[in-house]
Amino acid sequence: MQTRRENKQGRLVLLPPVEQFIPCDHRLRRLHRALDLSFVHETVRDKYCQDNGRPSVDPEVVVRLFLLQAIEGIGQVRELLRQVQVNLAYRWFIGYELDEEIPDHSTLSKALDRFGEAVFNQVFVRSIAQCQQSGLIEGKVLHVDATTIRADIDRDRVNQAKSSDPDARYGHFPGGDLEPGYKQQTVVDDRSRVIVGLDVVSADRLEGHSMVSVVDSATEHLGFAPEVVCADAGYGSGENRAEFESRGVRLVSPPKKVQLLEGGKYFTVADFIYDESRDVFVCPSGSLLRNVGGVLGRPKVRQYAAMRSVCRRCQLKARCTKSSRRQLKVSLHYGALHRLRADSRTESFRALYRRRAPVIEGIFAEAKQWHGLHRAWRRGLSKMRIQCLLIAAVLNFKRLVASLSPLFGFKETLSTLVNAIGRIPGIIRRFCRGILIEDELQLA
């Protein structure tokens, strides 16, 4: 017989705890087991009055809500809270029962201004530490790259006096588009794909200039320096090579190509041999070009020149220069650049470089497609950094949880078994009580 269900919701129902509705293998339950936010209260203690005023929303709840935003890639706080209102798993994750009122969106915005970057940086740093303690991070080979993030601002408001986002700048996005935004520079472990360092700057900044500092931050997080740092051609400068050499680190980054002079009509700097011990260049005819000083307005450039008398009678002058003598302008770190070019021709260099794109480009794709890194949620450099730190921490926790999932499954099975064993005495007592009652009825 066909029936129609009446939508009756006026009954009083006693429900079990929210936790019982969350499957044992739910991703938030697995994350909760690995997440330790016990440090939050102490970190933000000086941001609250401890003996006066209205009770605040628990700071750990605030951090968990922002982590949820990064986990689900929800750009707007209002939408995040709407989802938390109806989603049992989200309520359980922040520790709220069904009848508890969810915090207002303004409370979260004010808490973000109150906390600043420190607490979220701690979440990120601790995610690295937990991954390292679990044995995930090898740390021998690190990959460095940068990705652009579209700012939440109209194009015509960039760098204006009354701009809603005074820190956003124009930068080149995939496809060659010039858009306002930011740039996240990221350091990733080769083996585990754990993010071990990051920095956020405006989109107009050249990432190659801050490469060493972001790798140094990763070294500080790990407690040791890597053996190899891989990056794309934007990082392949003599300065970076020299800095990493001083740290005993090998830079695997394609060096900049030598520029041809008038379409290849004249010898390039690559046709000259650099003798670093004497700080001279040897030209194709065997003559020396000596250091004659710097270049006006270019403090990181040196100039080398041959003698006019030698160039005048050189048989190769027509292929070398049309001036009275040949001159070369090179960077202060040309020796390091020369060694980088030589290293780039080795098979080990090529093998290491081939590992770069699948690792770090995959990280960016994951962060943008699933966790909201494609666009800024809020305005200002500080809040952009918070967003990047949260997403990076979530990605790290995903790696950690995946590595610990079998252990978690074993713990759940063991817990279920222990609970079942604990219920056996009660079952036996009820069974025996039932037999006694039956006997009494028969006797009656």
Protein backbone atom coordinates (compact mmCIF):
# COMPACT_ATOMS: atom_id res chain seq x y z
CA MET A 1 0.00 0.00 0.00
CA GLN A 2 1.34 3.42 -0.94
CA THR A 3 1.80 5.76 1.99
CA ARG A 4 2.81 9.35 2.50
CA ARG A 5 5.15 10.38 5.30
CA GLU A 6 3.93 13.32 7.32
CA ASN A 7 6.68 15.84 8.16
CA LYS A 8 6.25 15.88 11.92
CA GLN A 9 9.09 17.56 13.82
CA GLY A 10 7.38 18.55 17.02
CA ARG A 11 8.40 15.53 19.09
CA LEU A 12 10.98 15.72 21.86
CA VAL A 13 13.83 13.39 20.91
CA LEU A 14 16.80 12.50 23.09
CA LEU A 15 19.78 12.15 20.76
CA PRO A 16 23.16 10.56 21.49
CA PRO A 17 26.31 12.72 21.48
CA VAL A 18 27.24 14.27 18.12
CA GLU A 19 30.40 12.14 18.07
CA GLN A 20 28.36 8.98 17.55
CA PHE A 21 27.12 10.33 14.21
CA ILE A 22 30.66 10.79 12.84
CA PRO A 23 32.08 7.70 11.05
CA CYS A 24 35.32 6.34 12.46
CA ASP A 25 37.08 6.88 9.13
CA HIS A 26 35.81 10.44 8.54
CA ARG A 27 38.64 12.76 7.49
CA LEU A 28 37.92 15.24 10.29
CA ARG A 29 38.02 12.48 12.88
CA ARG A 30 41.38 11.34 11.53
CA LEU A 31 42.67 14.94 11.54
CA HIS A 32 41.40 15.48 15.09
CA ARG A 33 43.54 12.58 16.32
CA ALA A 34 46.67 14.14 14.83
CA LEU A 35 45.85 17.75 15.74
CA ASP A 36 47.30 19.24 18.91
CA LEU A 37 46.13 22.80 19.54
CA SER A 38 46.89 22.84 23.25
CA PHE A 39 49.37 25.69 22.67
CA VAL A 40 46.73 28.11 21.37
CA HIS A 41 45.47 29.42 24.73
CA GLU A 42 48.93 30.29 25.97
CA THR A 43 49.95 31.86 22.65
CA VAL A 44 47.01 34.30 22.62
CA ARG A 45 46.81 34.88 26.39
CA ASP A 46 48.09 38.44 26.11
CA LYS A 47 45.37 39.23 23.55
CA TYR A 48 42.57 38.91 26.12
CA CYS A 49 41.71 40.48 29.45
CA GLN A 50 41.93 37.60 31.94
CA ASP A 51 39.77 39.01 34.76
CA ASN A 52 37.15 41.26 33.18
CA GLY A 53 34.68 41.50 30.32
CA ARG A 54 32.34 39.04 28.64
CA PRO A 55 33.46 35.44 28.09
CA SER A 56 35.08 35.00 24.69
CA VAL A 57 34.66 32.30 22.10
CA ASP A 58 37.27 29.66 22.90
CA PRO A 59 40.43 30.62 20.93
CA GLU A 60 40.95 26.97 19.98
CA VAL A 61 37.46 26.94 18.45
CA VAL A 62 38.42 30.00 16.40
CA VAL A 63 41.54 28.27 15.09
CA ARG A 64 39.56 25.11 14.30
CA LEU A 65 37.03 27.16 12.33
CA PHE A 66 39.78 28.73 10.26
CA LEU A 67 41.31 25.30 9.70
CA LEU A 68 37.90 24.14 8.46
CA GLN A 69 37.90 27.05 6.05
CA ALA A 70 41.25 25.87 4.66
CA ILE A 71 40.22 22.20 4.61
CA GLU A 72 37.12 22.91 2.54
CA GLY A 73 38.45 25.91 0.61
CA ILE A 74 35.50 28.11 1.60
CA GLY A 75 36.35 31.69 0.68
CA GLN A 76 33.80 33.55 2.83
CA VAL A 77 33.47 33.30 6.61
CA ARG A 78 29.69 33.75 6.42
CA GLU A 79 29.43 30.73 4.13
CA LEU A 80 31.75 28.77 6.42
CA LEU A 81 29.47 29.39 9.40
CA ARG A 82 26.37 28.49 7.39
CA GLN A 83 27.99 25.17 6.62
CA VAL A 84 29.00 24.61 10.25
CA GLN A 85 25.41 25.31 11.32
CA VAL A 86 24.04 22.27 9.45
CA ASN A 87 27.03 19.93 9.21
CA LEU A 88 27.37 17.48 12.13
CA ALA A 89 31.01 16.68 11.35
CA TYR A 90 31.91 20.37 11.39
CA ARG A 91 30.09 20.90 14.71
CA TRP A 92 31.87 17.93 16.22
CA PHE A 93 35.26 19.14 14.96
CA ILE A 94 34.88 22.50 16.74
CA GLY A 95 33.41 20.80 19.85
CA TYR A 96 29.87 22.22 19.60
CA GLU A 97 26.69 20.31 20.45
CA LEU A 98 23.51 20.47 18.34
CA ASP A 99 21.85 23.06 20.56
CA GLU A 100 24.86 25.40 20.84
CA GLU A 101 24.82 28.67 18.92
CA ILE A 102 27.57 29.01 16.32
CA PRO A 103 29.86 32.08 16.70
CA ASP A 104 28.98 35.13 14.63
CA HIS A 105 31.08 35.96 11.57
CA SER A 106 32.12 39.28 13.11
CA THR A 107 33.58 37.42 16.10
CA LEU A 108 35.88 35.48 13.79
CA SER A 109 36.94 38.61 11.91
CA LYS A 110 37.79 40.40 15.15
CA ALA A 111 39.66 37.35 16.45
CA LEU A 112 41.75 37.29 13.28
CA ASP A 113 42.78 40.91 13.85
CA ARG A 114 43.45 40.18 17.52
CA PHE A 115 45.54 37.04 16.99
CA GLY A 116 47.74 38.26 14.15
CA GLU A 117 50.05 35.79 12.39
CA ALA A 118 51.76 34.23 15.40
CA VAL A 119 49.24 31.52 16.32
CA PHE A 120 48.76 30.42 12.69
CA ASN A 121 52.49 30.33 12.13
CA GLN A 122 52.69 28.04 15.17
CA VAL A 123 50.08 25.73 13.63
CA PHE A 124 52.19 25.53 10.46
CA VAL A 125 55.50 25.02 12.28
CA ARG A 126 53.98 22.30 14.47
CA SER A 127 52.61 20.53 11.41
CA ILE A 128 56.19 20.32 10.11
CA ALA A 129 57.45 19.07 13.47
CA GLN A 130 54.79 16.34 13.65
CA CYS A 131 55.57 15.19 10.12
CA GLN A 132 59.25 15.10 10.99
CA GLN A 133 58.65 13.16 14.20
CA SER A 134 56.61 10.59 12.28
CA GLY A 135 59.55 9.99 9.91
CA LEU A 136 57.88 11.49 6.85
CA ILE A 137 60.47 14.17 6.07
CA GLU A 138 63.83 13.21 4.65
CA GLY A 139 65.01 16.77 4.02
CA LYS A 140 67.94 15.93 1.73
CA VAL A 141 66.35 17.37 -1.43
CA LEU A 142 64.08 20.42 -1.25
CA HIS A 143 62.11 22.03 -4.08
CA VAL A 144 61.45 25.77 -4.25
CA ASP A 145 58.93 27.60 -6.42
CA ALA A 146 56.43 30.44 -6.29
CA THR A 147 52.79 30.75 -7.31
CA THR A 148 50.61 33.81 -7.77
CA ILE A 149 47.35 34.35 -5.87
CA ARG A 150 44.65 36.72 -7.14
CA ALA A 151 43.93 39.51 -4.66
CA ASP A 152 40.37 40.36 -3.62
CA ILE A 153 40.44 43.79 -5.22
CA ASP A 154 39.36 45.45 -8.47
CA ARG A 155 42.06 46.05 -11.04
CA ASP A 156 41.59 49.82 -11.06
CA ARG A 157 42.10 50.08 -7.28
CA VAL A 158 45.63 48.65 -7.16
CA ASN A 159 48.24 50.83 -5.48
CA GLN A 160 45.79 53.71 -5.04
CA ALA A 161 45.64 56.05 -2.05
CA LYS A 162 42.30 54.66 -0.83
CA SER A 163 42.80 51.10 -1.98
CA SER A 164 40.92 48.42 -0.01
CA ASP A 165 44.06 46.27 -0.25
CA PRO A 166 47.13 48.51 -0.05
CA ASP A 167 49.58 45.60 -0.26
CA ALA A 168 48.36 44.00 -3.51
CA ARG A 169 50.40 44.62 -6.66
CA TYR A 170 50.21 43.64 -10.31
CA GLY A 171 51.95 40.40 -11.24
CA HIS A 172 52.09 37.97 -14.14
CA PHE A 173 49.62 35.10 -13.81
CA PRO A 174 49.46 31.89 -15.88
CA GLY A 175 48.59 32.74 -19.45
CA GLY A 176 50.48 36.02 -19.28
CA ASP A 177 47.65 38.03 -17.69
CA LEU A 178 48.62 40.97 -15.52
CA GLU A 179 46.46 40.85 -12.39
CA PRO A 180 46.60 42.26 -8.84
CA GLY A 181 47.73 39.70 -6.33
CA TYR A 182 50.32 38.12 -4.11
CA LYS A 183 53.04 35.55 -4.53
CA GLN A 184 53.65 32.58 -2.25
CA GLN A 185 57.15 31.12 -2.30
CA THR A 186 57.14 27.53 -1.08
CA VAL A 187 59.75 24.97 -0.01
CA VAL A 188 58.71 21.31 -0.25
CA ASP A 189 60.41 18.09 0.82
CA ASP A 190 61.12 15.87 -2.17
CA ARG A 191 60.15 12.53 -0.61
CA SER A 192 57.05 13.37 1.42
CA ARG A 193 55.73 16.52 -0.34
CA VAL A 194 55.50 18.19 3.07
CA ILE A 195 55.76 21.99 2.97
CA VAL A 196 58.70 22.95 5.18
CA GLY A 197 58.92 26.68 4.49
CA LEU A 198 57.00 29.51 2.86
CA ASP A 199 56.98 33.24 2.38
CA VAL A 200 54.36 35.61 0.98
CA VAL A 201 55.10 38.84 -0.88
CA SER A 202 53.30 41.12 -3.32
CA ALA A 203 52.96 39.76 -6.86
CA ASP A 204 55.45 42.20 -8.38
CA ARG A 205 58.39 40.86 -6.37
CA LEU A 206 60.95 38.62 -8.08
CA GLU A 207 61.03 35.33 -6.21
CA GLY A 208 64.68 34.63 -7.02
CA HIS A 209 65.80 37.44 -4.72
CA SER A 210 64.30 35.86 -1.58
CA MET A 211 65.13 32.23 -2.35
CA VAL A 212 67.95 31.91 0.15
CA SER A 213 65.94 33.39 3.04
CA VAL A 214 62.96 31.05 2.52
CA VAL A 215 65.27 28.02 2.36
CA ASP A 216 66.99 29.26 5.52
CA SER A 217 63.59 29.33 7.24
CA ALA A 218 63.00 25.73 6.15
CA THR A 219 66.43 24.80 7.51
CA GLU A 220 65.48 26.38 10.83
CA HIS A 221 62.24 24.37 10.95
CA LEU A 222 63.99 21.08 10.16
CA GLY A 223 67.08 21.66 12.28
CA PHE A 224 69.50 20.82 9.46
CA ALA A 225 70.41 22.04 5.97
CA PRO A 226 69.45 20.15 2.80
CA GLU A 227 71.97 18.63 0.44
CA VAL A 228 70.21 19.85 -2.72
CA VAL A 229 67.79 22.67 -3.53
CA CYS A 230 65.91 22.40 -6.84
CA ALA A 231 64.18 25.34 -8.54
CA ASP A 232 63.20 26.55 -11.99
CA ALA A 233 65.25 28.86 -14.19
CA GLY A 234 64.03 31.98 -12.40
CA TYR A 235 66.31 31.09 -9.49
CA GLY A 236 69.41 30.14 -11.47
CA SER A 237 71.65 33.11 -10.68
CA GLY A 238 75.27 33.30 -9.67
CA GLU A 239 74.30 35.04 -6.45
CA ASN A 240 72.03 32.19 -5.37
CA ARG A 241 74.63 29.62 -6.36
CA ALA A 242 77.30 31.44 -4.33
CA GLU A 243 75.05 31.73 -1.28
CA PHE A 244 74.19 28.02 -1.31
CA GLU A 245 77.82 27.07 -1.90
CA SER A 246 78.71 28.91 1.30
CA ARG A 247 76.19 26.66 3.10
CA GLY A 248 77.43 23.47 1.45
CA VAL A 249 74.20 23.09 -0.54
CA ARG A 250 73.98 22.17 -4.21
CA LEU A 251 71.71 24.41 -6.29
CA VAL A 252 69.91 22.61 -9.12
CA SER A 253 68.42 25.40 -11.20
CA PRO A 254 68.96 25.98 -14.93
CA PRO A 255 71.27 29.01 -15.29
CA LYS A 256 70.28 31.91 -17.47
CA LYS A 257 71.22 31.48 -21.09
CA VAL A 258 74.07 33.54 -22.48
CA GLN A 259 72.78 36.43 -24.55
CA LEU A 260 73.90 36.55 -28.17
CA LEU A 261 75.48 39.76 -29.40
CA GLU A 262 73.90 41.11 -32.59
CA GLY A 263 72.41 37.75 -33.46
CA GLY A 264 75.62 35.79 -32.85
CA LYS A 265 77.92 38.02 -34.84
CA TYR A 266 80.33 38.48 -31.93
CA PHE A 267 81.80 36.22 -29.26
CA THR A 268 79.72 35.93 -26.11
CA VAL A 269 81.00 35.75 -22.55
CA ALA A 270 80.72 31.96 -22.78
CA ASP A 271 83.52 31.98 -25.37
CA PHE A 272 85.88 33.48 -22.79
CA ILE A 273 87.56 31.37 -20.10
CA TYR A 274 87.25 32.72 -16.60
CA ASP A 275 90.25 32.14 -14.33
CA GLU A 276 88.74 32.68 -10.90
CA SER A 277 92.04 32.34 -9.01
CA ARG A 278 93.47 35.33 -10.87
CA ASP A 279 90.12 37.05 -11.50
CA VAL A 280 90.76 37.43 -15.23
CA PHE A 281 89.11 36.33 -18.47
CA VAL A 282 91.05 34.71 -21.28
CA CYS A 283 89.77 35.59 -24.76
CA PRO A 284 89.61 33.09 -27.68
CA SER A 285 92.98 34.37 -28.95
CA GLY A 286 94.63 33.84 -25.55
CA SER A 287 94.81 37.45 -24.35
CA LEU A 288 93.73 38.59 -20.87
CA LEU A 289 90.81 40.81 -19.87
CA ARG A 290 91.46 42.29 -16.44
CA ASN A 291 89.08 43.70 -13.83
CA VAL A 292 88.87 47.46 -14.41
CA GLY A 293 86.26 48.21 -11.74
CA GLY A 294 82.53 48.49 -11.34
CA VAL A 295 79.78 49.90 -13.51
CA LEU A 296 78.14 53.21 -12.62
CA GLY A 297 74.68 52.65 -11.15
CA ARG A 298 75.08 48.87 -11.06
CA PRO A 299 76.81 47.96 -7.78
CA LYS A 300 76.63 44.19 -8.38
CA VAL A 301 78.34 44.32 -11.79
CA ARG A 302 82.06 44.28 -12.59
CA GLN A 303 83.79 45.23 -15.82
CA TYR A 304 86.70 43.44 -17.50
CA ALA A 305 88.64 44.85 -20.46
CA ALA A 306 91.51 43.90 -22.77
CA MET A 307 94.37 46.21 -23.76
CA ARG A 308 93.66 48.33 -26.82
CA SER A 309 97.09 47.64 -28.28
CA VAL A 310 96.42 43.88 -28.10
CA CYS A 311 92.91 44.08 -29.58
CA ARG A 312 94.08 46.35 -32.41
CA ARG A 313 96.36 43.73 -33.91
CA CYS A 314 94.23 40.65 -33.02
CA GLN A 315 93.20 38.54 -36.01
CA LEU A 316 89.86 37.67 -34.34
CA LYS A 317 88.85 41.30 -33.69
CA ALA A 318 86.16 41.25 -36.39
CA ARG A 319 84.37 38.44 -34.52
CA CYS A 320 84.94 39.99 -31.12
CA THR A 321 84.10 43.71 -31.11
CA LYS A 322 83.77 46.81 -33.25
CA SER A 323 85.16 48.98 -30.43
CA SER A 324 88.80 49.71 -29.81
CA ARG A 325 88.93 46.92 -27.23
CA ARG A 326 86.71 44.10 -25.97
CA GLN A 327 84.95 44.57 -22.64
CA LEU A 328 82.85 42.20 -20.55
CA LYS A 329 80.29 43.19 -17.91
CA VAL A 330 79.50 40.37 -15.50
CA SER A 331 78.00 39.99 -12.03
CA LEU A 332 80.03 39.86 -8.84
CA HIS A 333 79.17 36.16 -8.65
CA TYR A 334 80.13 35.21 -12.17
CA GLY A 335 82.45 32.46 -10.91
CA ALA A 336 79.56 30.76 -9.15
CA LEU A 337 77.37 31.18 -12.24
CA HIS A 338 80.10 29.61 -14.36
CA ARG A 339 80.20 26.60 -12.03
CA LEU A 340 76.40 26.36 -12.15
CA ARG A 341 76.51 26.23 -15.95
CA ALA A 342 79.10 23.48 -15.83
CA ASP A 343 77.07 21.53 -13.28
CA SER A 344 73.89 21.89 -15.37
CA ARG A 345 75.47 19.74 -18.07
CA THR A 346 75.81 16.71 -15.77
CA GLU A 347 73.35 13.82 -15.76
CA SER A 348 72.83 13.99 -11.98
CA PHE A 349 71.74 17.64 -12.33
CA ARG A 350 69.20 16.72 -15.00
CA ALA A 351 67.89 13.77 -12.98
CA LEU A 352 67.31 15.95 -9.92
CA TYR A 353 65.68 18.70 -11.95
CA ARG A 354 63.21 16.26 -13.52
CA ARG A 355 61.84 15.53 -10.02
CA ARG A 356 60.97 19.17 -9.39
CA ALA A 357 57.79 19.78 -11.38
CA PRO A 358 55.76 16.70 -10.30
CA VAL A 359 56.38 17.52 -6.64
CA ILE A 360 55.94 21.25 -6.28
CA GLU A 361 53.56 21.90 -9.16
CA GLY A 362 51.35 19.16 -7.73
CA ILE A 363 51.35 20.95 -4.37
CA PHE A 364 50.17 24.20 -5.97
CA ALA A 365 47.47 22.43 -7.96
CA GLU A 366 46.16 20.68 -4.84
CA ALA A 367 46.18 23.88 -2.79
CA LYS A 368 44.36 25.91 -5.45
CA GLN A 369 41.82 23.33 -6.58
CA TRP A 370 40.77 21.96 -3.19
CA HIS A 371 41.81 24.43 -0.49
CA GLY A 372 41.19 27.92 -1.87
CA LEU A 373 44.68 29.20 -2.64
CA HIS A 374 43.64 30.49 -6.07
CA ARG A 375 42.20 33.68 -4.56
CA ALA A 376 42.70 35.76 -1.42
CA TRP A 377 39.96 35.38 1.21
CA ARG A 378 40.81 38.67 2.87
CA ARG A 379 42.74 41.83 2.15
CA GLY A 380 46.22 42.81 3.24
CA LEU A 381 49.56 41.06 3.27
CA SER A 382 49.27 39.84 6.87
CA LYS A 383 45.92 38.14 6.26
CA MET A 384 47.19 36.70 3.01
CA ARG A 385 50.05 35.12 4.97
CA ILE A 386 47.56 33.66 7.46
CA GLN A 387 45.61 32.07 4.62
CA CYS A 388 48.79 30.57 3.15
CA LEU A 389 49.94 29.28 6.54
CA LEU A 390 46.58 27.62 7.20
CA ILE A 391 46.45 25.94 3.80
CA ALA A 392 50.07 24.77 4.08
CA ALA A 393 49.37 23.32 7.54
CA VAL A 394 46.29 21.50 6.21
CA LEU A 395 48.31 19.99 3.36
CA ASN A 396 50.94 18.82 5.84
CA PHE A 397 48.33 17.30 8.15
CA LYS A 398 46.87 15.46 5.17
CA ARG A 399 50.25 13.82 4.57
CA LEU A 400 50.59 13.04 8.27
CA VAL A 401 47.10 11.56 8.59
CA ALA A 402 47.59 9.44 5.48
CA SER A 403 50.80 8.00 6.92
CA LEU A 404 49.14 7.24 10.27
CA SER A 405 45.78 5.94 8.97
CA PRO A 406 46.60 2.23 9.42
CA LEU A 407 47.63 2.89 13.03
CA PHE A 408 44.46 4.91 13.61
CA GLY A 409 42.38 2.07 12.19
CA PHE A 410 44.04 -0.36 14.57
CA LYS A 411 43.32 1.95 17.53
CA GLU A 412 39.66 2.23 16.54
CA THR A 413 39.33 -1.55 16.25
CA LEU A 414 41.05 -2.02 19.59
CA SER A 415 38.83 0.61 21.22
CA THR A 416 35.70 -1.02 19.83
CA LEU A 417 36.88 -4.41 21.08
CA VAL A 418 37.63 -3.07 24.56
CA ASN A 419 34.21 -1.43 24.74
CA ALA A 420 32.55 -4.64 23.62
CA ILE A 421 34.43 -6.64 26.25
CA GLY A 422 33.42 -4.08 28.84
CA ARG A 423 29.76 -4.65 28.00
CA ILE A 424 29.97 -8.45 28.43
CA PRO A 425 29.42 -8.47 32.25
CA GLY A 426 26.28 -6.36 31.84
CA ILE A 427 24.96 -8.69 29.14
CA ILE A 428 25.60 -11.71 31.38
CA ARG A 429 23.85 -10.04 34.31
CA ARG A 430 20.80 -9.21 32.21
CA PHE A 431 20.76 -12.75 30.83
CA CYS A 432 20.92 -14.28 34.33
CA ARG A 433 18.25 -11.86 35.59
CA GLY A 434 16.02 -12.95 32.75
CA ILE A 435 16.44 -16.63 33.68
CA LEU A 436 15.61 -15.93 37.33
CA ILE A 437 12.48 -14.02 36.39
CA GLU A 438 11.39 -16.85 34.11
CA ASP A 439 11.93 -19.40 36.94
CA GLU A 440 9.89 -17.28 39.33
CA LEU A 441 7.03 -17.06 36.84
CA GLN A 442 7.05 -20.83 36.38
CA LEU A 443 7.00 -21.39 40.15
CA ALA A 444 4.13 -19.00 40.51
